[in-house]
Amino acid sequence: MTESWILMEVDVHLFSTLQKKRFREARIQLQEGACITDLLSLLSISSDDVGILIVNNQDATFDQPLNEGDAVTIIPPIGGG
């Protein structure tokens, strides 16, 4: 028996070094019920490479569930001195 997956789409915006070999903005399909961690895994982004997570203009967490049409912004850690 084949499993049927219900998919949803989220808009993803990557900043700075996270764009390297990826994209700046894209619409990504995920299985319904996916969370930020699932998205990062799909994009091959380590949680160590994430400084700020934003979903729909609000601070987000790695275990935050995503919904159809969410806008996700991922920013790497910012250093300087």
PDB file of N, CA and C in Angstrom:
ATOM      1  N   MET A   1       0.844  -1.184   0.000  1.00  0.00           N
ATOM      2  CA  MET A   1       0.000   0.000   0.000  1.00  0.00           C
ATOM      3  C   MET A   1       0.885   1.241   0.000  1.00  0.00           C
ATOM      4  N   THR A   2       0.565   2.182  -0.822  1.00  0.00           N
ATOM      5  CA  THR A   2       1.338   3.417  -0.927  1.00  0.00           C
ATOM      6  C   THR A   2       0.776   4.454   0.039  1.00  0.00           C
ATOM      7  N   GLU A   3       1.684   5.103   0.777  1.00  0.00           N
ATOM      8  CA  GLU A   3       1.254   6.157   1.679  1.00  0.00           C
ATOM      9  C   GLU A   3       0.986   7.419   0.875  1.00  0.00           C
ATOM     10  N   SER A   4      -0.072   8.107   1.247  1.00  0.00           N
ATOM     11  CA  SER A   4      -0.415   9.358   0.601  1.00  0.00           C
ATOM     12  C   SER A   4       0.007  10.506   1.498  1.00  0.00           C
ATOM     13  N   TRP A   5       0.785  11.410   0.954  1.00  0.00           N
ATOM     14  CA  TRP A   5       1.261  12.551   1.727  1.00  0.00           C
ATOM     15  C   TRP A   5       0.475  13.784   1.333  1.00  0.00           C
ATOM     16  N   ILE A   6       0.012  14.497   2.328  1.00  0.00           N
ATOM     17  CA  ILE A   6      -0.614  15.791   2.079  1.00  0.00           C
ATOM     18  C   ILE A   6       0.490  16.825   2.182  1.00  0.00           C
ATOM     19  N   LEU A   7       0.661  17.595   1.129  1.00  0.00           N
ATOM     20  CA  LEU A   7       1.748  18.572   1.086  1.00  0.00           C
ATOM     21  C   LEU A   7       1.223  19.976   1.332  1.00  0.00           C
ATOM     22  N   MET A   8       2.108  20.789   1.847  1.00  0.00           N
ATOM     23  CA  MET A   8       1.825  22.214   2.014  1.00  0.00           C
ATOM     24  C   MET A   8       3.019  22.976   1.460  1.00  0.00           C
ATOM     25  N   GLU A   9       2.811  24.236   1.168  1.00  0.00           N
ATOM     26  CA  GLU A   9       3.899  25.078   0.680  1.00  0.00           C
ATOM     27  C   GLU A   9       4.149  26.210   1.657  1.00  0.00           C
ATOM     28  N   VAL A  10       5.444  26.493   1.873  1.00  0.00           N
ATOM     29  CA  VAL A  10       5.860  27.632   2.687  1.00  0.00           C
ATOM     30  C   VAL A  10       6.852  28.455   1.877  1.00  0.00           C
ATOM     31  N   ASP A  11       6.857  29.741   2.112  1.00  0.00           N
ATOM     32  CA  ASP A  11       7.816  30.631   1.455  1.00  0.00           C
ATOM     33  C   ASP A  11       9.020  30.775   2.364  1.00  0.00           C
ATOM     34  N   VAL A  12      10.212  30.526   1.809  1.00  0.00           N
ATOM     35  CA  VAL A  12      11.439  30.537   2.604  1.00  0.00           C
ATOM     36  C   VAL A  12      12.372  31.624   2.081  1.00  0.00           C
ATOM     37  N   HIS A  13      12.919  32.397   3.014  1.00  0.00           N
ATOM     38  CA  HIS A  13      13.875  33.458   2.705  1.00  0.00           C
ATOM     39  C   HIS A  13      15.154  33.152   3.482  1.00  0.00           C
ATOM     40  N   LEU A  14      16.250  32.989   2.754  1.00  0.00           N
ATOM     41  CA  LEU A  14      17.548  32.731   3.374  1.00  0.00           C
ATOM     42  C   LEU A  14      18.413  33.975   3.280  1.00  0.00           C
ATOM     43  N   PHE A  15      19.223  34.200   4.297  1.00  0.00           N
ATOM     44  CA  PHE A  15      20.091  35.367   4.314  1.00  0.00           C
ATOM     45  C   PHE A  15      21.553  34.954   4.359  1.00  0.00           C
ATOM     46  N   SER A  16      22.381  35.850   3.846  1.00  0.00           N
ATOM     47  CA  SER A  16      23.837  35.784   3.951  1.00  0.00           C
ATOM     48  C   SER A  16      24.397  34.441   3.510  1.00  0.00           C
ATOM     49  N   THR A  17      25.203  33.839   4.359  1.00  0.00           N
ATOM     50  CA  THR A  17      25.927  32.605   3.997  1.00  0.00           C
ATOM     51  C   THR A  17      24.994  31.424   3.748  1.00  0.00           C
ATOM     52  N   LEU A  18      23.769  31.475   4.234  1.00  0.00           N
ATOM     53  CA  LEU A  18      22.828  30.367   4.006  1.00  0.00           C
ATOM     54  C   LEU A  18      22.383  30.289   2.553  1.00  0.00           C
ATOM     55  N   GLN A  19      22.559  31.360   1.808  1.00  0.00           N
ATOM     56  CA  GLN A  19      22.189  31.370   0.391  1.00  0.00           C
ATOM     57  C   GLN A  19      23.188  30.601  -0.472  1.00  0.00           C
ATOM     58  N   LYS A  20      24.401  30.432   0.014  1.00  0.00           N
ATOM     59  CA  LYS A  20      25.451  29.802  -0.781  1.00  0.00           C
ATOM     60  C   LYS A  20      25.023  28.394  -1.193  1.00  0.00           C
ATOM     61  N   LYS A  21      24.992  28.156  -2.492  1.00  0.00           N
ATOM     62  CA  LYS A  21      24.593  26.884  -3.104  1.00  0.00           C
ATOM     63  C   LYS A  21      23.130  26.529  -2.827  1.00  0.00           C
ATOM     64  N   ARG A  22      22.338  27.532  -2.447  1.00  0.00           N
ATOM     65  CA  ARG A  22      20.916  27.306  -2.211  1.00  0.00           C
ATOM     66  C   ARG A  22      20.134  28.335  -3.019  1.00  0.00           C
ATOM     67  N   PHE A  23      19.514  29.251  -2.355  1.00  0.00           N
ATOM     68  CA  PHE A  23      18.662  30.258  -2.987  1.00  0.00           C
ATOM     69  C   PHE A  23      18.480  31.418  -2.009  1.00  0.00           C
ATOM     70  N   ARG A  24      17.913  32.487  -2.517  1.00  0.00           N
ATOM     71  CA  ARG A  24      17.567  33.619  -1.646  1.00  0.00           C
ATOM     72  C   ARG A  24      16.116  33.490  -1.176  1.00  0.00           C
ATOM     73  N   GLU A  25      15.226  33.231  -2.131  1.00  0.00           N
ATOM     74  CA  GLU A  25      13.810  33.046  -1.831  1.00  0.00           C
ATOM     75  C   GLU A  25      13.283  31.887  -2.649  1.00  0.00           C
ATOM     76  N   ALA A  26      12.427  31.072  -2.018  1.00  0.00           N
ATOM     77  CA  ALA A  26      11.834  29.944  -2.738  1.00  0.00           C
ATOM     78  C   ALA A  26      10.560  29.508  -2.036  1.00  0.00           C
ATOM     79  N   ARG A  27       9.693  28.889  -2.801  1.00  0.00           N
ATOM     80  CA  ARG A  27       8.502  28.243  -2.238  1.00  0.00           C
ATOM     81  C   ARG A  27       8.847  26.753  -2.131  1.00  0.00           C
ATOM     82  N   ILE A  28       8.742  26.226  -0.919  1.00  0.00           N
ATOM     83  CA  ILE A  28       9.162  24.857  -0.629  1.00  0.00           C
ATOM     84  C   ILE A  28       7.953  24.023  -0.231  1.00  0.00           C
ATOM     85  N   GLN A  29       7.878  22.801  -0.756  1.00  0.00           N
ATOM     86  CA  GLN A  29       6.820  21.869  -0.366  1.00  0.00           C
ATOM     87  C   GLN A  29       7.309  20.986   0.770  1.00  0.00           C
ATOM     88  N   LEU A  30       6.469  20.858   1.777  1.00  0.00           N
ATOM     89  CA  LEU A  30       6.751  20.006   2.930  1.00  0.00           C
ATOM     90  C   LEU A  30       5.520  19.161   3.231  1.00  0.00           C
ATOM     91  N   GLN A  31       5.742  18.075   3.937  1.00  0.00           N
ATOM     92  CA  GLN A  31       4.618  17.270   4.389  1.00  0.00           C
ATOM     93  C   GLN A  31       3.815  18.070   5.409  1.00  0.00           C
ATOM     94  N   GLU A  32       2.509  18.021   5.315  1.00  0.00           N
ATOM     95  CA  GLU A  32       1.662  18.716   6.283  1.00  0.00           C
ATOM     96  C   GLU A  32       2.039  18.277   7.692  1.00  0.00           C
ATOM     97  N   GLY A  33       2.131  19.227   8.613  1.00  0.00           N
ATOM     98  CA  GLY A  33       2.525  18.928   9.981  1.00  0.00           C
ATOM     99  C   GLY A  33       4.020  19.065  10.232  1.00  0.00           C
ATOM    100  N   ALA A  34       4.776  19.429   9.195  1.00  0.00           N
ATOM    101  CA  ALA A  34       6.228  19.594   9.338  1.00  0.00           C
ATOM    102  C   ALA A  34       6.526  20.789  10.248  1.00  0.00           C
ATOM    103  N   CYS A  35       7.709  20.750  10.842  1.00  0.00           N
ATOM    104  CA  CYS A  35       8.148  21.856  11.690  1.00  0.00           C
ATOM    105  C   CYS A  35       9.435  22.453  11.107  1.00  0.00           C
ATOM    106  N   ILE A  36       9.936  23.475  11.761  1.00  0.00           N
ATOM    107  CA  ILE A  36      11.147  24.147  11.299  1.00  0.00           C
ATOM    108  C   ILE A  36      12.302  23.155  11.140  1.00  0.00           C
ATOM    109  N   THR A  37      12.450  22.232  12.078  1.00  0.00           N
ATOM    110  CA  THR A  37      13.539  21.245  12.006  1.00  0.00           C
ATOM    111  C   THR A  37      13.453  20.431  10.719  1.00  0.00           C
ATOM    112  N   ASP A  38      12.241  20.063  10.309  1.00  0.00           N
ATOM    113  CA  ASP A  38      12.060  19.317   9.063  1.00  0.00           C
ATOM    114  C   ASP A  38      12.496  20.144   7.859  1.00  0.00           C
ATOM    115  N   LEU A  39      12.147  21.428   7.881  1.00  0.00           N
ATOM    116  CA  LEU A  39      12.551  22.325   6.798  1.00  0.00           C
ATOM    117  C   LEU A  39      14.070  22.448   6.735  1.00  0.00           C
ATOM    118  N   LEU A  40      14.703  22.643   7.877  1.00  0.00           N
ATOM    119  CA  LEU A  40      16.172  22.755   7.911  1.00  0.00           C
ATOM    120  C   LEU A  40      16.829  21.490   7.382  1.00  0.00           C
ATOM    121  N   SER A  41      16.292  20.348   7.751  1.00  0.00           N
ATOM    122  CA  SER A  41      16.838  19.074   7.273  1.00  0.00           C
ATOM    123  C   SER A  41      16.725  18.982   5.753  1.00  0.00           C
ATOM    124  N   LEU A  42      15.571  19.338   5.217  1.00  0.00           N
ATOM    125  CA  LEU A  42      15.364  19.316   3.768  1.00  0.00           C
ATOM    126  C   LEU A  42      16.364  20.217   3.050  1.00  0.00           C
ATOM    127  N   LEU A  43      16.687  21.354   3.665  1.00  0.00           N
ATOM    128  CA  LEU A  43      17.607  22.322   3.060  1.00  0.00           C
ATOM    129  C   LEU A  43      19.071  22.066   3.416  1.00  0.00           C
ATOM    130  N   SER A  44      19.345  21.012   4.178  1.00  0.00           N
ATOM    131  CA  SER A  44      20.707  20.679   4.632  1.00  0.00           C
ATOM    132  C   SER A  44      21.337  21.847   5.388  1.00  0.00           C
ATOM    133  N   ILE A  45      20.558  22.423   6.294  1.00  0.00           N
ATOM    134  CA  ILE A  45      21.040  23.506   7.146  1.00  0.00           C
ATOM    135  C   ILE A  45      21.086  22.991   8.576  1.00  0.00           C
ATOM    136  N   SER A  46      22.259  23.049   9.181  1.00  0.00           N
ATOM    137  CA  SER A  46      22.418  22.637  10.570  1.00  0.00           C
ATOM    138  C   SER A  46      21.832  23.694  11.500  1.00  0.00           C
ATOM    139  N   SER A  47      21.258  23.254  12.610  1.00  0.00           N
ATOM    140  CA  SER A  47      20.730  24.222  13.576  1.00  0.00           C
ATOM    141  C   SER A  47      21.833  25.130  14.108  1.00  0.00           C
ATOM    142  N   ASP A  48      23.090  24.650  14.094  1.00  0.00           N
ATOM    143  CA  ASP A  48      24.226  25.473  14.517  1.00  0.00           C
ATOM    144  C   ASP A  48      24.466  26.651  13.577  1.00  0.00           C
ATOM    145  N   ASP A  49      23.965  26.541  12.340  1.00  0.00           N
ATOM    146  CA  ASP A  49      24.152  27.590  11.343  1.00  0.00           C
ATOM    147  C   ASP A  49      23.011  28.604  11.347  1.00  0.00           C
ATOM    148  N   VAL A  50      22.094  28.472  12.317  1.00  0.00           N
ATOM    149  CA  VAL A  50      20.936  29.355  12.398  1.00  0.00           C
ATOM    150  C   VAL A  50      21.059  30.259  13.614  1.00  0.00           C
ATOM    151  N   GLY A  51      20.963  31.559  13.379  1.00  0.00           N
ATOM    152  CA  GLY A  51      21.004  32.516  14.475  1.00  0.00           C
ATOM    153  C   GLY A  51      19.623  33.039  14.826  1.00  0.00           C
ATOM    154  N   ILE A  52      18.803  33.282  13.800  1.00  0.00           N
ATOM    155  CA  ILE A  52      17.464  33.839  13.998  1.00  0.00           C
ATOM    156  C   ILE A  52      16.484  33.096  13.096  1.00  0.00           C
ATOM    157  N   LEU A  53      15.354  32.714  13.686  1.00  0.00           N
ATOM    158  CA  LEU A  53      14.252  32.099  12.947  1.00  0.00           C
ATOM    159  C   LEU A  53      13.026  32.991  13.080  1.00  0.00           C
ATOM    160  N   ILE A  54      12.390  33.273  11.964  1.00  0.00           N
ATOM    161  CA  ILE A  54      11.188  34.100  11.975  1.00  0.00           C
ATOM    162  C   ILE A  54      10.127  33.407  11.119  1.00  0.00           C
ATOM    163  N   VAL A  55       8.919  33.289  11.655  1.00  0.00           N
ATOM    164  CA  VAL A  55       7.783  32.762  10.892  1.00  0.00           C
ATOM    165  C   VAL A  55       6.663  33.797  10.969  1.00  0.00           C
ATOM    166  N   ASN A  56       6.256  34.254   9.808  1.00  0.00           N
ATOM    167  CA  ASN A  56       5.183  35.261   9.728  1.00  0.00           C
ATOM    168  C   ASN A  56       5.467  36.480  10.608  1.00  0.00           C
ATOM    169  N   ASN A  57       6.704  36.961  10.518  1.00  0.00           N
ATOM    170  CA  ASN A  57       7.151  38.164  11.238  1.00  0.00           C
ATOM    171  C   ASN A  57       7.156  38.022  12.758  1.00  0.00           C
ATOM    172  N   GLN A  58       7.226  36.782  13.244  1.00  0.00           N
ATOM    173  CA  GLN A  58       7.289  36.508  14.682  1.00  0.00           C
ATOM    174  C   GLN A  58       8.483  35.605  14.957  1.00  0.00           C
ATOM    175  N   ASP A  59       9.144  35.784  16.117  1.00  0.00           N
ATOM    176  CA  ASP A  59      10.218  34.870  16.506  1.00  0.00           C
ATOM    177  C   ASP A  59       9.693  33.444  16.497  1.00  0.00           C
ATOM    178  N   ALA A  60      10.542  32.516  16.076  1.00  0.00           N
ATOM    179  CA  ALA A  60      10.137  31.111  15.976  1.00  0.00           C
ATOM    180  C   ALA A  60      11.153  30.215  16.678  1.00  0.00           C
ATOM    181  N   THR A  61      10.751  28.967  16.907  1.00  0.00           N
ATOM    182  CA  THR A  61      11.618  27.956  17.513  1.00  0.00           C
ATOM    183  C   THR A  61      11.790  26.796  16.542  1.00  0.00           C
ATOM    184  N   PHE A  62      12.802  25.976  16.795  1.00  0.00           N
ATOM    185  CA  PHE A  62      13.086  24.847  15.907  1.00  0.00           C
ATOM    186  C   PHE A  62      11.928  23.849  15.840  1.00  0.00           C
ATOM    187  N   ASP A  63      11.199  23.685  16.926  1.00  0.00           N
ATOM    188  CA  ASP A  63      10.115  22.698  16.948  1.00  0.00           C
ATOM    189  C   ASP A  63       8.754  23.292  16.573  1.00  0.00           C
ATOM    190  N   GLN A  64       8.754  24.525  16.108  1.00  0.00           N
ATOM    191  CA  GLN A  64       7.497  25.185  15.739  1.00  0.00           C
ATOM    192  C   GLN A  64       6.885  24.528  14.503  1.00  0.00           C
ATOM    193  N   PRO A  65       5.605  24.126  14.596  1.00  0.00           N
ATOM    194  CA  PRO A  65       4.929  23.573  13.419  1.00  0.00           C
ATOM    195  C   PRO A  65       4.718  24.657  12.364  1.00  0.00           C
ATOM    196  N   LEU A  66       4.750  24.236  11.122  1.00  0.00           N
ATOM    197  CA  LEU A  66       4.516  25.156  10.013  1.00  0.00           C
ATOM    198  C   LEU A  66       3.138  24.895   9.420  1.00  0.00           C
ATOM    199  N   ASN A  67       2.581  25.924   8.791  1.00  0.00           N
ATOM    200  CA  ASN A  67       1.270  25.832   8.152  1.00  0.00           C
ATOM    201  C   ASN A  67       1.366  26.310   6.713  1.00  0.00           C
ATOM    202  N   GLU A  68       0.416  25.880   5.915  1.00  0.00           N
ATOM    203  CA  GLU A  68       0.328  26.291   4.518  1.00  0.00           C
ATOM    204  C   GLU A  68       0.444  27.809   4.416  1.00  0.00           C
ATOM    205  N   GLY A  69       1.353  28.266   3.537  1.00  0.00           N
ATOM    206  CA  GLY A  69       1.489  29.690   3.269  1.00  0.00           C
ATOM    207  C   GLY A  69       2.357  30.470   4.237  1.00  0.00           C
ATOM    208  N   ASP A  70       2.920  29.798   5.237  1.00  0.00           N
ATOM    209  CA  ASP A  70       3.794  30.505   6.179  1.00  0.00           C
ATOM    210  C   ASP A  70       4.990  31.114   5.457  1.00  0.00           C
ATOM    211  N   ALA A  71       5.452  32.242   5.964  1.00  0.00           N
ATOM    212  CA  ALA A  71       6.676  32.887   5.473  1.00  0.00           C
ATOM    213  C   ALA A  71       7.760  32.673   6.509  1.00  0.00           C
ATOM    214  N   VAL A  72       8.808  31.934   6.113  1.00  0.00           N
ATOM    215  CA  VAL A  72       9.885  31.566   7.017  1.00  0.00           C
ATOM    216  C   VAL A  72      11.165  32.304   6.617  1.00  0.00           C
ATOM    217  N   THR A  73      11.772  32.981   7.571  1.00  0.00           N
ATOM    218  CA  THR A  73      13.037  33.672   7.346  1.00  0.00           C
ATOM    219  C   THR A  73      14.095  33.024   8.220  1.00  0.00           C
ATOM    220  N   ILE A  74      15.225  32.673   7.611  1.00  0.00           N
ATOM    221  CA  ILE A  74      16.316  32.023   8.348  1.00  0.00           C
ATOM    222  C   ILE A  74      17.559  32.867   8.175  1.00  0.00           C
ATOM    223  N   ILE A  75      18.113  33.310   9.312  1.00  0.00           N
ATOM    224  CA  ILE A  75      19.286  34.187   9.314  1.00  0.00           C
ATOM    225  C   ILE A  75      20.395  33.492  10.084  1.00  0.00           C
ATOM    226  N   PRO A  76      21.614  33.465   9.539  1.00  0.00           N
ATOM    227  CA  PRO A  76      22.724  32.826  10.256  1.00  0.00           C
ATOM    228  C   PRO A  76      23.160  33.674  11.452  1.00  0.00           C
ATOM    229  N   PRO A  77      23.954  33.077  12.349  1.00  0.00           N
ATOM    230  CA  PRO A  77      24.487  33.859  13.462  1.00  0.00           C
ATOM    231  C   PRO A  77      25.281  35.057  12.936  1.00  0.00           C
ATOM    232  N   ILE A  78      25.191  36.150  13.643  1.00  0.00           N
ATOM    233  CA  ILE A  78      25.879  37.373  13.225  1.00  0.00           C
ATOM    234  C   ILE A  78      26.983  37.651  14.230  1.00  0.00           C
ATOM    235  N   GLY A  79      28.189  37.768  13.717  1.00  0.00           N
ATOM    236  CA  GLY A  79      29.320  38.045  14.590  1.00  0.00           C
ATOM    237  C   GLY A  79      29.940  39.381  14.248  1.00  0.00           C
ATOM    238  N   GLY A  80      30.791  39.818  15.072  1.00  0.00           N
ATOM    239  CA  GLY A  80      31.456  41.083  14.795  1.00  0.00           C
ATOM    240  C   GLY A  80      32.073  41.624  16.061  1.00  0.00           C
ATOM    241  N   GLY A  81      32.693  42.719  15.909  1.00  0.00           N
ATOM    242  CA  GLY A  81      33.331  43.228  17.109  1.00  0.00           C
ATOM    243  C   GLY A  81      33.645  44.661  17.072  1.00  0.00           C
TER     244      GLY A  81
END
